[in-house]
Amino acid sequence: MTIHTRLTLLALLLAPCFAFAQFDNLSAGGSLSTDDLLRVDWAFRSQALGSDESIDVLWIVEPGYYLYRKQFRVFINGEEISQLNLPAGEKAYDPLFDEELEIYRDEVLLNFSGQESGQINIRFQGCADAGYCYPPSWVAFERSADSDSVTYLGLVDGPDEPPVQDSTSARIYLYNAFALVLFAGFFWLGMRKSSNRIQTRN
């Protein structure tokens, strides 16, 4: 095996490890401190207004932040609302979910049916352009029985739901698997070259 081949294989072996180190450094706050980020309920502010048959929730998104369209969920008195009315979002590739998703910047209006009074819980999730994604969060409102007024209650714990997939762990696994395959290939090529040399000498 030539020195050039050895260096090439070594570079391929180290590349995914370096890439993950850069990703992990950002996720852990290497170049981004959480002190530089807004609180989740400040980055994504919401206000609601009820009518006879539905509820409108206006989300104000601070500059440099965005919301995921697919992460909205709504519960009224513990019952999930299946039909949510949302406008089409801006399409963008998202490395967290490794797919193209619709996102909202500046503001977005969420509408859903609801006539009964009681507590409204809404799940949302967003990210900062600086490289940090907030975990899914829940905000609550209270609708009065005798009027259309909807009172903001603040952040709350959401109902039980499946845990969010840890994409970082998945990437660690893939990088380690890739590195292992490259190392095995590197080792096999070296052994094959040594074997050929022994056979040539004999």
Protein backbone atom coordinates (compact mmCIF):
# COMPACT_ATOMS: atom_id res chain seq x y z
CA MET A 1 0.00 0.00 0.00
CA THR A 2 1.48 3.36 -1.01
CA ILE A 3 1.81 6.23 1.44
CA HIS A 4 -0.71 8.20 -0.64
CA THR A 5 -3.29 5.45 -0.29
CA ARG A 6 -2.70 5.21 3.46
CA LEU A 7 -3.13 8.99 3.90
CA THR A 8 -6.31 8.98 1.81
CA LEU A 9 -7.87 6.21 3.88
CA LEU A 10 -6.82 7.91 7.11
CA ALA A 11 -8.45 11.16 5.99
CA LEU A 12 -11.68 9.33 5.17
CA LEU A 13 -11.56 7.63 8.55
CA LEU A 14 -11.17 10.89 10.45
CA ALA A 15 -13.59 12.99 8.38
CA PRO A 16 -16.84 11.81 9.98
CA CYS A 17 -15.34 12.10 13.46
CA PHE A 18 -14.31 15.69 12.74
CA ALA A 19 -17.73 16.49 11.29
CA PHE A 20 -19.50 15.16 14.35
CA ALA A 21 -17.12 17.04 16.64
CA GLN A 22 -18.10 20.27 14.89
CA PHE A 23 -21.80 19.42 15.13
CA ASP A 24 -21.54 18.37 18.77
CA ASN A 25 -19.56 21.48 19.65
CA LEU A 26 -22.36 23.67 18.32
CA SER A 27 -25.12 21.61 19.94
CA ALA A 28 -23.35 21.68 23.29
CA GLY A 29 -22.83 25.40 23.06
CA GLY A 30 -19.22 25.49 21.92
CA SER A 31 -19.75 28.66 19.88
CA LEU A 32 -23.32 29.34 21.00
CA SER A 33 -24.25 30.06 24.59
CA THR A 34 -27.82 29.61 25.77
CA ASP A 35 -27.39 33.04 27.33
CA ASP A 36 -27.45 34.38 23.78
CA LEU A 37 -30.88 32.83 23.14
CA LEU A 38 -34.31 34.13 23.97
CA ARG A 39 -36.56 32.18 26.28
CA VAL A 40 -38.81 29.93 24.23
CA ASP A 41 -41.95 31.91 25.14
CA TRP A 42 -40.18 35.14 24.17
CA ALA A 43 -38.86 33.82 20.88
CA PHE A 44 -42.33 32.53 19.99
CA ARG A 45 -45.06 34.69 21.51
CA SER A 46 -48.72 33.75 21.16
CA GLN A 47 -52.08 35.38 21.69
CA ALA A 48 -55.53 33.89 21.12
CA LEU A 49 -59.02 35.09 20.26
CA GLY A 50 -62.19 33.01 20.26
CA SER A 51 -65.33 33.23 18.15
CA ASP A 52 -68.61 31.30 18.09
CA GLU A 53 -67.13 28.25 16.36
CA SER A 54 -63.35 28.51 16.31
CA ILE A 55 -60.23 29.88 17.94
CA ASP A 56 -57.43 31.87 16.33
CA VAL A 57 -53.92 31.82 17.80
CA LEU A 58 -51.46 34.32 16.38
CA TRP A 59 -47.80 33.44 16.79
CA ILE A 60 -45.22 36.22 16.64
CA VAL A 61 -41.77 34.86 15.75
CA GLU A 62 -38.76 36.96 16.64
CA PRO A 63 -36.16 37.72 13.92
CA GLY A 64 -33.56 34.94 13.65
CA TYR A 65 -36.02 32.25 14.79
CA TYR A 66 -38.56 29.99 13.09
CA LEU A 67 -41.35 27.54 13.93
CA TYR A 68 -41.97 24.07 12.51
CA ARG A 69 -45.34 23.62 10.81
CA LYS A 70 -45.61 19.91 11.56
CA GLN A 71 -44.94 20.28 15.30
CA PHE A 72 -48.22 22.00 16.20
CA ARG A 73 -50.70 19.97 18.27
CA VAL A 74 -53.82 21.22 20.04
CA PHE A 75 -55.79 19.78 22.97
CA ILE A 76 -59.00 21.20 24.42
CA ASN A 77 -59.85 19.82 27.85
CA GLY A 78 -57.62 16.83 27.18
CA GLU A 79 -59.11 15.98 23.76
CA GLU A 80 -56.85 16.41 20.72
CA ILE A 81 -58.10 18.52 17.83
CA SER A 82 -57.30 16.62 14.64
CA GLN A 83 -57.99 19.40 12.13
CA LEU A 84 -55.61 22.35 12.36
CA ASN A 85 -55.78 25.16 9.83
CA LEU A 86 -52.36 26.53 8.98
CA PRO A 87 -51.03 28.36 5.92
CA ALA A 88 -48.32 26.83 3.75
CA GLY A 89 -44.89 27.52 5.18
CA GLU A 90 -41.48 28.28 3.75
CA LYS A 91 -39.81 25.07 2.61
CA ALA A 92 -36.31 24.49 3.90
CA TYR A 93 -34.01 21.52 4.50
CA ASP A 94 -33.67 20.88 8.21
CA PRO A 95 -30.61 18.97 9.50
CA LEU A 96 -32.31 18.08 12.80
CA PHE A 97 -34.96 15.93 11.09
CA ASP A 98 -32.84 15.30 7.96
CA GLU A 99 -35.68 16.26 5.61
CA GLU A 100 -37.32 19.21 3.90
CA LEU A 101 -39.85 20.82 6.22
CA GLU A 102 -42.19 23.80 6.22
CA ILE A 103 -41.26 26.57 8.63
CA TYR A 104 -42.70 29.93 9.66
CA ARG A 105 -40.89 33.19 10.22
CA ASP A 106 -42.23 36.55 11.44
CA GLU A 107 -45.78 35.37 12.22
CA VAL A 108 -48.33 32.64 11.58
CA LEU A 109 -52.04 32.25 12.36
CA LEU A 110 -53.21 28.91 13.73
CA ASN A 111 -56.97 28.25 13.53
CA PHE A 112 -59.00 25.32 14.85
CA SER A 113 -62.60 24.53 15.75
CA GLY A 114 -63.65 24.88 19.35
CA GLN A 115 -66.84 26.11 21.00
CA GLU A 116 -66.53 24.74 24.51
CA SER A 117 -64.97 26.57 27.40
CA GLY A 118 -61.98 25.19 29.26
CA GLN A 119 -58.22 24.82 28.92
CA ILE A 120 -56.49 24.79 25.56
CA ASN A 121 -52.99 23.28 25.37
CA ILE A 122 -50.90 23.88 22.25
CA ARG A 123 -47.61 22.20 21.40
CA PHE A 124 -45.05 24.02 19.28
CA GLN A 125 -41.37 23.73 18.42
CA GLY A 126 -38.92 26.14 16.87
CA CYS A 127 -35.26 26.85 16.32
CA ALA A 128 -32.79 29.71 16.19
CA ASP A 129 -30.85 30.37 13.01
CA ALA A 130 -27.73 30.41 15.20
CA GLY A 131 -27.93 26.60 15.40
CA TYR A 132 -30.05 25.73 18.43
CA CYS A 133 -33.42 23.94 18.38
CA TYR A 134 -35.70 24.16 21.40
CA PRO A 135 -37.36 20.96 22.61
CA PRO A 136 -41.12 20.73 21.93
CA SER A 137 -42.94 23.08 24.31
CA TRP A 138 -46.54 23.58 25.41
CA VAL A 139 -48.46 26.78 26.05
CA ALA A 140 -51.93 27.00 27.62
CA PHE A 141 -54.97 29.26 27.32
CA GLU A 142 -58.27 29.36 29.20
CA ARG A 143 -61.51 30.07 27.36
CA SER A 144 -64.33 31.59 29.39
CA ALA A 145 -67.78 30.00 29.41
CA ASP A 146 -69.68 33.28 29.05
CA SER A 147 -67.59 35.06 26.40
CA ASP A 148 -65.18 34.63 23.51
CA SER A 149 -62.23 35.87 25.55
CA VAL A 150 -59.21 33.57 25.74
CA THR A 151 -56.74 34.11 28.57
CA TYR A 152 -53.04 33.30 28.23
CA LEU A 153 -51.83 30.97 31.02
CA GLY A 154 -48.18 30.52 29.99
CA LEU A 155 -45.96 27.49 29.49
CA VAL A 156 -47.22 24.16 30.84
CA ASP A 157 -46.33 20.48 30.81
CA GLY A 158 -47.90 18.68 27.88
CA PRO A 159 -49.81 15.39 27.87
CA ASP A 160 -47.90 12.12 27.65
CA GLU A 161 -46.54 11.48 24.18
CA PRO A 162 -43.77 9.40 22.58
CA PRO A 163 -40.28 10.77 23.34
CA VAL A 164 -38.63 12.86 20.66
CA GLN A 165 -36.02 10.92 18.70
CA ASP A 166 -32.49 11.84 19.73
CA SER A 167 -31.01 12.68 16.34
CA THR A 168 -27.60 13.32 17.91
CA SER A 169 -27.39 9.73 19.19
CA ALA A 170 -28.42 8.45 15.77
CA ARG A 171 -25.65 10.45 14.14
CA ILE A 172 -23.09 9.18 16.64
CA TYR A 173 -24.09 5.62 15.75
CA LEU A 174 -23.83 6.26 12.00
CA TYR A 175 -20.46 7.99 12.31
CA ASN A 176 -19.07 5.22 14.49
CA ALA A 177 -20.36 2.54 12.11
CA PHE A 178 -18.85 4.36 9.14
CA ALA A 179 -15.52 4.77 10.93
CA LEU A 180 -15.51 1.08 11.87
CA VAL A 181 -16.09 0.03 8.26
CA LEU A 182 -13.27 2.28 7.05
CA PHE A 183 -10.94 1.00 9.76
CA ALA A 184 -11.74 -2.61 8.81
CA GLY A 185 -11.06 -1.79 5.17
CA PHE A 186 -7.81 -0.08 6.07
CA PHE A 187 -6.72 -3.07 8.17
CA TRP A 188 -7.73 -5.59 5.48
CA LEU A 189 -5.83 -3.77 2.75
CA GLY A 190 -2.74 -3.58 4.95
CA MET A 191 -2.90 -7.31 5.75
CA ARG A 192 -3.43 -8.16 2.09
CA LYS A 193 -0.42 -6.08 1.08
CA SER A 194 1.74 -7.76 3.74
CA SER A 195 0.54 -11.18 2.62
CA ASN A 196 1.43 -10.42 -0.99
CA ARG A 197 4.92 -9.34 0.06
CA ILE A 198 5.46 -12.58 1.99
CA GLN A 199 4.31 -14.64 -0.98
CA THR A 200 6.59 -12.69 -3.32
CA ARG A 201 9.61 -13.31 -1.07
CA ASN A 202 8.82 -17.05 -0.92
